Amino acid sequence: MSEWKYGLIKVSIEDEGTDNEEQINLLAELYSLGDDGEYDSFCKADLRSVEELQHALKDVERENINTWFYDNGLFAYVVCDCCTEGRWEWEKK
């Protein structure tokens, strides 16, 4: 059985090295697929209640911004052909 928690994960830095530099983060559900207990997988957070929003806030405040995925892989923002909605895809290095 895998454990999970909410996390705010770093996915990109826009305008790096300029006065307009901004870190982009994604609210996600982090979980472990293996037996090592490492939170090495994620999916987009699906918040459906005030209680879940409060749970996410507590997890993010406790853990701060998670940079593990940014440091260990590559993110790409992909826009669906059928609409203007996009999503962040990640590939481990």
N, C-alpha and C. Protein backbone atom coordinates (compact mmCIF):
# COMPACT_ATOMS: atom_id res chain seq x y z
N MET A 1 0.85 -1.18 0.00
CA MET A 1 0.00 0.00 0.00
C MET A 1 0.90 1.25 0.00
N SER A 2 0.63 2.14 -0.89
CA SER A 2 1.48 3.33 -0.98
C SER A 2 0.97 4.45 -0.10
N GLU A 3 1.88 5.24 0.39
CA GLU A 3 1.57 6.44 1.16
C GLU A 3 1.54 7.62 0.20
N TRP A 4 0.79 8.66 0.55
CA TRP A 4 0.77 9.85 -0.29
C TRP A 4 0.60 11.07 0.58
N LYS A 5 0.91 12.22 -0.01
CA LYS A 5 0.74 13.52 0.64
C LYS A 5 0.65 14.56 -0.46
N TYR A 6 0.19 15.73 -0.10
CA TYR A 6 0.19 16.83 -1.05
C TYR A 6 1.57 17.48 -1.04
N GLY A 7 1.94 18.06 -2.16
CA GLY A 7 3.19 18.78 -2.25
C GLY A 7 3.12 19.89 -3.27
N LEU A 8 3.90 20.91 -3.05
CA LEU A 8 4.06 21.98 -4.03
C LEU A 8 5.41 21.72 -4.69
N ILE A 9 5.39 21.28 -5.95
CA ILE A 9 6.63 20.87 -6.60
C ILE A 9 7.08 21.92 -7.61
N LYS A 10 8.38 22.17 -7.61
CA LYS A 10 8.99 23.09 -8.55
C LYS A 10 9.02 22.42 -9.92
N VAL A 11 8.51 23.14 -10.94
CA VAL A 11 8.50 22.57 -12.29
C VAL A 11 9.29 23.40 -13.30
N SER A 12 9.51 24.69 -13.02
CA SER A 12 10.17 25.54 -14.01
C SER A 12 10.62 26.84 -13.37
N ILE A 13 11.53 27.50 -14.06
CA ILE A 13 11.91 28.87 -13.73
C ILE A 13 11.76 29.69 -15.01
N GLU A 14 10.88 30.67 -14.98
CA GLU A 14 10.67 31.52 -16.15
C GLU A 14 11.55 32.75 -16.05
N ASP A 15 12.02 33.23 -17.19
CA ASP A 15 12.85 34.44 -17.28
C ASP A 15 14.04 34.36 -16.34
N GLU A 16 14.69 33.19 -16.29
CA GLU A 16 15.82 32.98 -15.39
C GLU A 16 16.94 33.97 -15.66
N GLY A 17 17.48 34.51 -14.59
CA GLY A 17 18.60 35.45 -14.68
C GLY A 17 18.19 36.88 -14.95
N THR A 18 16.89 37.16 -15.00
CA THR A 18 16.41 38.52 -15.25
C THR A 18 15.70 39.04 -14.01
N ASP A 19 15.35 40.31 -14.04
CA ASP A 19 14.58 40.90 -12.94
C ASP A 19 13.18 40.30 -12.83
N ASN A 20 12.72 39.66 -13.89
CA ASN A 20 11.38 39.07 -13.91
C ASN A 20 11.38 37.57 -13.59
N GLU A 21 12.51 37.05 -13.09
CA GLU A 21 12.60 35.62 -12.80
C GLU A 21 11.49 35.18 -11.86
N GLU A 22 10.86 34.05 -12.22
CA GLU A 22 9.76 33.54 -11.41
C GLU A 22 9.80 32.01 -11.40
N GLN A 23 9.70 31.45 -10.21
CA GLN A 23 9.64 30.00 -10.08
C GLN A 23 8.19 29.55 -10.23
N ILE A 24 7.97 28.52 -11.05
CA ILE A 24 6.65 27.98 -11.28
C ILE A 24 6.54 26.67 -10.48
N ASN A 25 5.45 26.55 -9.73
CA ASN A 25 5.22 25.38 -8.89
C ASN A 25 3.87 24.77 -9.22
N LEU A 26 3.72 23.49 -8.94
CA LEU A 26 2.50 22.76 -9.21
C LEU A 26 2.05 22.08 -7.92
N LEU A 27 0.79 22.27 -7.54
CA LEU A 27 0.23 21.54 -6.41
C LEU A 27 -0.09 20.13 -6.89
N ALA A 28 0.49 19.15 -6.23
CA ALA A 28 0.37 17.76 -6.68
C ALA A 28 0.14 16.83 -5.50
N GLU A 29 -0.29 15.64 -5.82
CA GLU A 29 -0.34 14.56 -4.85
C GLU A 29 0.92 13.72 -5.07
N LEU A 30 1.74 13.62 -4.04
CA LEU A 30 2.98 12.86 -4.11
C LEU A 30 2.76 11.48 -3.52
N TYR A 31 3.35 10.47 -4.14
CA TYR A 31 3.20 9.13 -3.61
C TYR A 31 4.41 8.28 -3.98
N SER A 32 4.52 7.17 -3.28
CA SER A 32 5.61 6.23 -3.49
C SER A 32 5.06 4.99 -4.18
N LEU A 33 5.71 4.59 -5.25
CA LEU A 33 5.29 3.37 -5.95
C LEU A 33 6.08 2.15 -5.49
N GLY A 34 7.25 2.39 -4.89
CA GLY A 34 8.10 1.29 -4.47
C GLY A 34 8.04 1.05 -2.97
N ASP A 35 8.89 0.15 -2.51
CA ASP A 35 8.93 -0.20 -1.10
C ASP A 35 9.90 0.66 -0.31
N ASP A 36 10.61 1.59 -0.99
CA ASP A 36 11.63 2.38 -0.30
C ASP A 36 11.05 3.57 0.46
N GLY A 37 9.78 3.89 0.27
CA GLY A 37 9.15 4.99 0.99
C GLY A 37 9.45 6.37 0.43
N GLU A 38 10.22 6.45 -0.65
CA GLU A 38 10.53 7.74 -1.27
C GLU A 38 9.32 8.22 -2.07
N TYR A 39 9.03 9.50 -1.96
CA TYR A 39 7.94 10.10 -2.74
C TYR A 39 8.49 10.44 -4.12
N ASP A 40 8.42 9.47 -5.03
CA ASP A 40 9.06 9.59 -6.33
C ASP A 40 8.08 9.59 -7.49
N SER A 41 6.80 9.77 -7.20
CA SER A 41 5.78 9.85 -8.23
C SER A 41 4.77 10.92 -7.84
N PHE A 42 4.09 11.46 -8.84
CA PHE A 42 3.09 12.48 -8.53
C PHE A 42 2.00 12.50 -9.58
N CYS A 43 0.88 13.10 -9.21
CA CYS A 43 -0.19 13.41 -10.14
C CYS A 43 -0.77 14.75 -9.72
N LYS A 44 -1.49 15.38 -10.61
CA LYS A 44 -2.10 16.66 -10.30
C LYS A 44 -3.04 16.51 -9.11
N ALA A 45 -3.00 17.47 -8.20
CA ALA A 45 -3.87 17.42 -7.02
C ALA A 45 -5.32 17.56 -7.44
N ASP A 46 -6.17 16.81 -6.79
CA ASP A 46 -7.60 16.85 -7.04
C ASP A 46 -8.28 17.18 -5.71
N LEU A 47 -8.50 18.46 -5.46
CA LEU A 47 -9.08 18.92 -4.21
C LEU A 47 -10.58 19.06 -4.38
N ARG A 48 -11.35 18.39 -3.52
CA ARG A 48 -12.80 18.39 -3.67
C ARG A 48 -13.55 18.93 -2.47
N SER A 49 -12.81 19.37 -1.45
CA SER A 49 -13.48 19.88 -0.25
C SER A 49 -12.57 20.86 0.48
N VAL A 50 -13.15 21.59 1.38
CA VAL A 50 -12.37 22.52 2.21
C VAL A 50 -11.39 21.72 3.07
N GLU A 51 -11.80 20.56 3.53
CA GLU A 51 -10.93 19.72 4.35
C GLU A 51 -9.70 19.28 3.56
N GLU A 52 -9.88 18.92 2.31
CA GLU A 52 -8.74 18.52 1.47
C GLU A 52 -7.83 19.72 1.21
N LEU A 53 -8.40 20.89 1.02
CA LEU A 53 -7.61 22.10 0.83
C LEU A 53 -6.79 22.40 2.09
N GLN A 54 -7.39 22.24 3.25
CA GLN A 54 -6.67 22.45 4.51
C GLN A 54 -5.56 21.42 4.69
N HIS A 55 -5.84 20.16 4.31
CA HIS A 55 -4.82 19.11 4.37
C HIS A 55 -3.64 19.47 3.46
N ALA A 56 -3.93 19.93 2.24
CA ALA A 56 -2.88 20.33 1.31
C ALA A 56 -2.05 21.47 1.88
N LEU A 57 -2.70 22.47 2.46
CA LEU A 57 -1.99 23.60 3.06
C LEU A 57 -1.05 23.13 4.16
N LYS A 58 -1.51 22.25 5.03
CA LYS A 58 -0.67 21.74 6.12
C LYS A 58 0.54 20.99 5.59
N ASP A 59 0.34 20.14 4.57
CA ASP A 59 1.45 19.39 3.98
C ASP A 59 2.48 20.32 3.35
N VAL A 60 2.01 21.32 2.61
CA VAL A 60 2.92 22.25 1.94
C VAL A 60 3.66 23.10 2.97
N GLU A 61 2.97 23.57 4.00
CA GLU A 61 3.64 24.37 5.03
C GLU A 61 4.70 23.54 5.75
N ARG A 62 4.42 22.26 6.00
CA ARG A 62 5.37 21.39 6.69
C ARG A 62 6.59 21.08 5.81
N GLU A 63 6.36 20.81 4.53
CA GLU A 63 7.41 20.34 3.63
C GLU A 63 8.08 21.44 2.81
N ASN A 64 7.42 22.59 2.65
CA ASN A 64 7.87 23.68 1.79
C ASN A 64 7.84 23.20 0.33
N ILE A 65 8.60 23.83 -0.53
CA ILE A 65 8.57 23.49 -1.96
C ILE A 65 9.47 22.29 -2.22
N ASN A 66 8.91 21.29 -2.89
CA ASN A 66 9.63 20.07 -3.22
C ASN A 66 10.40 20.30 -4.52
N THR A 67 11.72 20.13 -4.48
CA THR A 67 12.54 20.30 -5.68
C THR A 67 13.09 18.97 -6.21
N TRP A 68 12.73 17.85 -5.57
CA TRP A 68 13.29 16.56 -5.97
C TRP A 68 13.01 16.25 -7.44
N PHE A 69 11.79 16.46 -7.89
CA PHE A 69 11.45 16.14 -9.28
C PHE A 69 12.20 17.06 -10.25
N TYR A 70 12.31 18.34 -9.92
CA TYR A 70 13.03 19.30 -10.76
C TYR A 70 14.51 18.92 -10.84
N ASP A 71 15.09 18.50 -9.71
CA ASP A 71 16.51 18.16 -9.66
C ASP A 71 16.81 16.82 -10.30
N ASN A 72 15.82 15.95 -10.43
CA ASN A 72 16.04 14.58 -10.92
C ASN A 72 15.32 14.25 -12.21
N GLY A 73 14.88 15.25 -12.92
CA GLY A 73 14.19 14.98 -14.18
C GLY A 73 13.97 16.25 -14.98
N LEU A 74 13.20 16.11 -16.03
CA LEU A 74 12.90 17.23 -16.91
C LEU A 74 11.39 17.39 -17.05
N PHE A 75 10.92 18.63 -16.91
CA PHE A 75 9.51 18.94 -17.08
C PHE A 75 9.29 19.57 -18.46
N ALA A 76 8.14 19.28 -19.03
CA ALA A 76 7.71 19.92 -20.27
C ALA A 76 6.23 20.24 -20.13
N TYR A 77 5.84 21.44 -20.54
CA TYR A 77 4.43 21.82 -20.51
C TYR A 77 3.83 21.44 -21.85
N VAL A 78 2.82 20.58 -21.82
CA VAL A 78 2.22 20.03 -23.02
C VAL A 78 0.77 20.49 -23.10
N VAL A 79 0.39 21.05 -24.26
CA VAL A 79 -0.99 21.49 -24.48
C VAL A 79 -1.70 20.46 -25.33
N CYS A 80 -2.88 20.09 -24.91
CA CYS A 80 -3.70 19.11 -25.63
C CYS A 80 -4.11 19.68 -26.99
N ASP A 81 -4.13 18.85 -28.03
CA ASP A 81 -4.54 19.27 -29.37
C ASP A 81 -6.02 19.66 -29.43
N CYS A 82 -6.83 19.09 -28.55
CA CYS A 82 -8.27 19.29 -28.64
C CYS A 82 -8.77 20.51 -27.86
N CYS A 83 -7.91 21.13 -27.06
CA CYS A 83 -8.35 22.27 -26.26
C CYS A 83 -7.14 23.13 -25.89
N THR A 84 -7.35 24.13 -25.13
CA THR A 84 -6.25 25.01 -24.73
C THR A 84 -5.67 24.62 -23.38
N GLU A 85 -6.20 23.58 -22.77
CA GLU A 85 -5.71 23.15 -21.46
C GLU A 85 -4.41 22.38 -21.62
N GLY A 86 -3.47 22.66 -20.74
CA GLY A 86 -2.20 21.97 -20.77
C GLY A 86 -1.92 21.27 -19.46
N ARG A 87 -0.81 20.55 -19.44
CA ARG A 87 -0.39 19.86 -18.21
C ARG A 87 1.13 19.73 -18.23
N TRP A 88 1.69 19.59 -17.03
CA TRP A 88 3.12 19.38 -16.90
C TRP A 88 3.41 17.89 -16.96
N GLU A 89 4.32 17.51 -17.86
CA GLU A 89 4.78 16.13 -17.94
C GLU A 89 6.21 16.09 -17.44
N TRP A 90 6.56 15.00 -16.78
CA TRP A 90 7.89 14.85 -16.19
C TRP A 90 8.52 13.55 -16.63
N GLU A 91 9.81 13.60 -16.92
CA GLU A 91 10.57 12.41 -17.27
C GLU A 91 11.81 12.37 -16.39
N LYS A 92 12.01 11.25 -15.71
CA LYS A 92 13.16 11.09 -14.82
C LYS A 92 14.44 11.05 -15.63
N LYS A 93 15.49 11.71 -15.13
CA LYS A 93 16.81 11.69 -15.79
C LYS A 93 17.45 10.35 -15.63
